[in-house]
Amino acid sequence: MPDNGQVERMNRTIKDATVKRYHYDTHDQLRAHLQLFVDAYNHARRLKTLRGLTPYEYVCHLWTKEPKGSGSTRHTTSRDHTPR
C-alpha cells in the first residue's frame, strides 16, 4: 500500500502534466486527457524505483510470481517484490 508521500508525489506528477500545462474548456476534455496520461504512464514510463519496469510490467511480474488467489494475505512494500 502506498504511503502518503507516494500519493502526494503521484498527484503532483499528474497535475504537472495536465492542469498546470494545459487549459481545458470542459471537464470531459480534462477526463480524456487524464485517461491518456495515466495509460501512457502505466504502459510506457519506465521507473527507476521499479528497476526499469513500467508500472504495468511490474504488476504483471507480481501476478506471475504470486497469482491472484494464492492465499497470501501478507502486506508488503513495493521493495519486497521488486524484480532483481
Foldseek 3Di string as FASTA:
>chain_A
DDDPVVVVVVVVVLCVVAVVVDDDPDVVVRVVVSVVVVVCQQQPDQDVVLVRDHVVVQVVQVCVVQPPPNPDPDDDDSVVRRDD
